[in-house]
Amino acid sequence: MIPFVAADQQELAFVAAIAAGIATAVLLGRGGGWQRLVLAALAGAHLGVVAAVMLLPLPQQFAPSLAALGEVGLVPGATIELLREGLQAWRQLGAGVLLIAPAGLLLPQVRTDLRPFGRTLAAGLALALGIELLQLLVGLVTGVVYRAVDVDHVLLNVLGVALGRGVLALWHAVTR
């Protein structure tokens, strides 16, 4: 069994990730009035939660190894195909989409340069790739494959951002 970070440290790391996300977002969202500042804080908190969920708990042991490279899924659709049967699999697929969907809703409201649909998707792709690469890096540094690194996760996350951005577009269409 792999020793993981103690429960009290996990909670502290989770809170720190959220706080860092909020602080970063507040810095990026300033200059646009209080509504933009609140949206920036929400976006930052969401991204902090995403980072904490995707990266924690971190393994305590450190024995650098290339074993994590053997666990990387590079075939699009392979994991989704394996998971499409059973309720637990559908929950996992839905979580991959819904966890990051608020980013598609909040980021275009905080950063005006992300308002075009394509730019929102590009930001979502960068976020999803960043998460997967961090998971791979932690696996390489610790020598422990503690999270699956898979191209399907990136695809599901980008689909989630597109869903969030679509909800935002629908909201704007209805309220105008």
Protein backbone atom coordinates (compact mmCIF):
# COMPACT_ATOMS: atom_id res chain seq x y z
CA MET A 1 0.00 0.00 0.00
CA ILE A 2 1.25 3.45 -0.90
CA PRO A 3 1.39 5.90 1.99
CA PHE A 4 -0.53 9.05 1.09
CA VAL A 5 -0.59 12.45 2.71
CA ALA A 6 -2.40 12.40 6.05
CA ALA A 7 -6.07 13.42 6.05
CA ASP A 8 -5.47 16.68 7.94
CA GLN A 9 -2.77 17.67 5.46
CA GLN A 10 -5.09 16.85 2.54
CA GLU A 11 -7.70 19.23 3.86
CA LEU A 12 -5.07 21.94 4.30
CA ALA A 13 -3.78 21.36 0.77
CA PHE A 14 -7.35 21.47 -0.57
CA VAL A 15 -8.00 24.81 1.17
CA ALA A 16 -4.63 26.15 -0.03
CA ALA A 17 -5.45 25.20 -3.64
CA ILE A 18 -8.78 27.01 -3.43
CA ALA A 19 -7.19 30.07 -1.78
CA ALA A 20 -4.45 30.22 -4.42
CA GLY A 21 -7.06 29.94 -7.16
CA ILE A 22 -9.12 32.76 -5.65
CA ALA A 23 -6.07 34.99 -5.17
CA THR A 24 -4.92 34.44 -8.75
CA ALA A 25 -8.38 35.05 -10.16
CA VAL A 26 -8.87 38.21 -8.12
CA LEU A 27 -5.61 39.56 -9.51
CA LEU A 28 -6.73 38.73 -13.05
CA GLY A 29 -10.27 40.05 -12.54
CA ARG A 30 -9.51 43.45 -11.09
CA GLY A 31 -10.50 46.58 -12.93
CA GLY A 32 -13.92 45.38 -14.01
CA GLY A 33 -16.15 46.28 -11.12
CA TRP A 34 -17.37 44.20 -8.20
CA GLN A 35 -19.34 41.74 -10.37
CA ARG A 36 -16.24 40.81 -12.32
CA LEU A 37 -14.28 40.49 -9.09
CA VAL A 38 -16.90 38.11 -7.65
CA LEU A 39 -16.92 36.08 -10.88
CA ALA A 40 -13.11 35.98 -10.80
CA ALA A 41 -13.18 34.71 -7.21
CA LEU A 42 -15.73 32.03 -8.18
CA ALA A 43 -13.64 31.02 -11.20
CA GLY A 44 -10.52 30.87 -9.05
CA ALA A 45 -12.24 28.81 -6.38
CA HIS A 46 -13.53 26.44 -9.06
CA LEU A 47 -10.08 26.03 -10.60
CA GLY A 48 -8.61 25.48 -7.13
CA VAL A 49 -11.17 22.73 -6.50
CA VAL A 50 -10.41 21.17 -9.90
CA ALA A 51 -6.68 21.22 -9.15
CA ALA A 52 -7.21 19.72 -5.70
CA VAL A 53 -9.54 16.99 -6.98
CA MET A 54 -7.28 16.10 -9.87
CA LEU A 55 -3.94 16.25 -8.05
CA LEU A 56 -4.56 15.33 -4.41
CA PRO A 57 -3.66 13.32 -2.45
CA LEU A 58 -0.01 13.39 -3.41
CA PRO A 59 2.08 10.29 -2.73
CA GLN A 60 4.57 10.72 0.12
CA GLN A 61 7.26 8.52 -1.29
CA PHE A 62 9.71 9.88 -3.82
CA ALA A 63 11.51 7.38 -6.00
CA PRO A 64 11.76 8.90 -9.48
CA SER A 65 10.86 6.37 -12.14
CA LEU A 66 9.74 6.21 -15.75
CA ALA A 67 7.02 3.67 -14.84
CA ALA A 68 4.36 6.38 -15.16
CA LEU A 69 5.09 6.65 -18.89
CA GLY A 70 3.85 3.10 -19.40
CA GLU A 71 0.44 4.05 -17.98
CA VAL A 72 -0.26 6.94 -20.36
CA GLY A 73 -3.31 6.41 -22.57
CA LEU A 74 -2.70 8.00 -25.96
CA VAL A 75 -5.48 6.35 -28.01
CA PRO A 76 -8.51 8.66 -28.20
CA GLY A 77 -11.71 6.89 -27.22
CA ALA A 78 -10.08 3.75 -25.80
CA THR A 79 -10.85 4.52 -22.16
CA ILE A 80 -14.30 5.86 -22.99
CA GLU A 81 -15.06 2.64 -24.89
CA LEU A 82 -13.99 0.55 -21.90
CA LEU A 83 -16.09 2.65 -19.52
CA ARG A 84 -19.34 2.92 -21.45
CA GLU A 85 -21.01 0.01 -19.70
CA GLY A 86 -22.28 0.18 -16.14
CA LEU A 87 -23.57 2.95 -13.91
CA GLN A 88 -20.22 3.59 -12.19
CA ALA A 89 -18.59 4.07 -15.59
CA TRP A 90 -21.23 6.61 -16.61
CA ARG A 91 -20.66 8.47 -13.34
CA GLN A 92 -16.95 8.61 -14.06
CA LEU A 93 -17.53 9.89 -17.59
CA GLY A 94 -20.03 12.47 -16.34
CA ALA A 95 -17.62 13.63 -13.66
CA GLY A 96 -14.95 14.18 -16.33
CA VAL A 97 -17.33 16.44 -18.21
CA LEU A 98 -19.11 18.21 -15.36
CA LEU A 99 -16.13 18.86 -13.08
CA ILE A 100 -14.64 21.39 -15.46
CA ALA A 101 -17.86 22.71 -17.09
CA PRO A 102 -18.04 25.76 -14.79
CA ALA A 103 -14.75 26.96 -16.30
CA GLY A 104 -16.54 27.34 -19.65
CA LEU A 105 -19.21 29.38 -17.90
CA LEU A 106 -17.00 31.59 -15.71
CA LEU A 107 -13.75 32.20 -17.61
CA PRO A 108 -15.32 34.12 -20.54
CA GLN A 109 -17.01 36.43 -18.06
CA VAL A 110 -13.76 37.16 -16.21
CA ARG A 111 -11.43 37.41 -19.20
CA THR A 112 -12.90 39.28 -22.15
CA ASP A 113 -10.27 37.80 -24.49
CA LEU A 114 -11.76 34.35 -23.77
CA ARG A 115 -15.30 35.27 -24.88
CA PRO A 116 -15.06 33.81 -28.40
CA PHE A 117 -16.09 30.14 -28.32
CA GLY A 118 -12.83 28.94 -29.87
CA ARG A 119 -10.71 30.78 -27.33
CA THR A 120 -12.75 29.38 -24.46
CA LEU A 121 -12.18 25.88 -25.84
CA ALA A 122 -8.46 26.61 -26.27
CA ALA A 123 -8.27 27.73 -22.63
CA GLY A 124 -10.12 24.55 -21.60
CA LEU A 125 -7.72 22.45 -23.66
CA ALA A 126 -4.73 24.18 -22.04
CA LEU A 127 -6.24 23.60 -18.59
CA ALA A 128 -6.98 19.92 -19.28
CA LEU A 129 -3.53 19.30 -20.77
CA GLY A 130 -1.92 21.10 -17.84
CA ILE A 131 -3.73 18.89 -15.34
CA GLU A 132 -2.79 15.68 -17.17
CA LEU A 133 0.84 16.78 -17.54
CA LEU A 134 1.03 17.65 -13.83
CA GLN A 135 -0.37 14.22 -12.96
CA LEU A 136 2.25 12.62 -15.21
CA LEU A 137 5.01 14.76 -13.70
CA VAL A 138 4.00 13.77 -10.16
CA GLY A 139 3.99 10.12 -11.28
CA LEU A 140 7.46 10.46 -12.78
CA VAL A 141 8.91 12.28 -9.75
CA THR A 142 7.37 10.01 -7.13
CA GLY A 143 7.63 6.77 -9.08
CA VAL A 144 3.97 6.10 -8.25
CA VAL A 145 1.22 6.01 -10.84
CA TYR A 146 -1.47 7.48 -8.62
CA ARG A 147 -3.67 9.00 -11.33
CA ALA A 148 -4.45 7.73 -14.82
CA VAL A 149 -3.04 10.03 -17.49
CA ASP A 150 -5.19 9.65 -20.57
CA VAL A 151 -6.07 11.62 -23.68
CA ASP A 152 -9.73 10.75 -23.05
CA HIS A 153 -9.63 12.80 -19.85
CA VAL A 154 -8.52 15.78 -21.92
CA LEU A 155 -11.34 15.19 -24.43
CA LEU A 156 -13.96 14.89 -21.67
CA ASN A 157 -12.67 18.03 -19.95
CA VAL A 158 -12.79 20.03 -23.19
CA LEU A 159 -16.32 18.72 -23.77
CA GLY A 160 -17.18 20.00 -20.28
CA VAL A 161 -15.78 23.45 -21.07
CA ALA A 162 -17.78 23.47 -24.32
CA LEU A 163 -20.90 22.53 -22.36
CA GLY A 164 -20.33 25.36 -19.89
CA ARG A 165 -19.67 27.83 -22.71
CA GLY A 166 -22.82 26.64 -24.47
CA VAL A 167 -24.86 27.26 -21.33
CA LEU A 168 -23.39 30.77 -21.16
CA ALA A 169 -24.27 31.42 -24.81
CA LEU A 170 -27.81 30.15 -24.23
CA TRP A 171 -28.13 32.36 -21.15
CA HIS A 172 -27.02 35.41 -23.12
CA ALA A 173 -29.44 34.58 -25.94
CA VAL A 174 -32.38 34.19 -23.54
CA THR A 175 -31.66 37.29 -21.45
CA ARG A 176 -31.08 39.72 -24.31
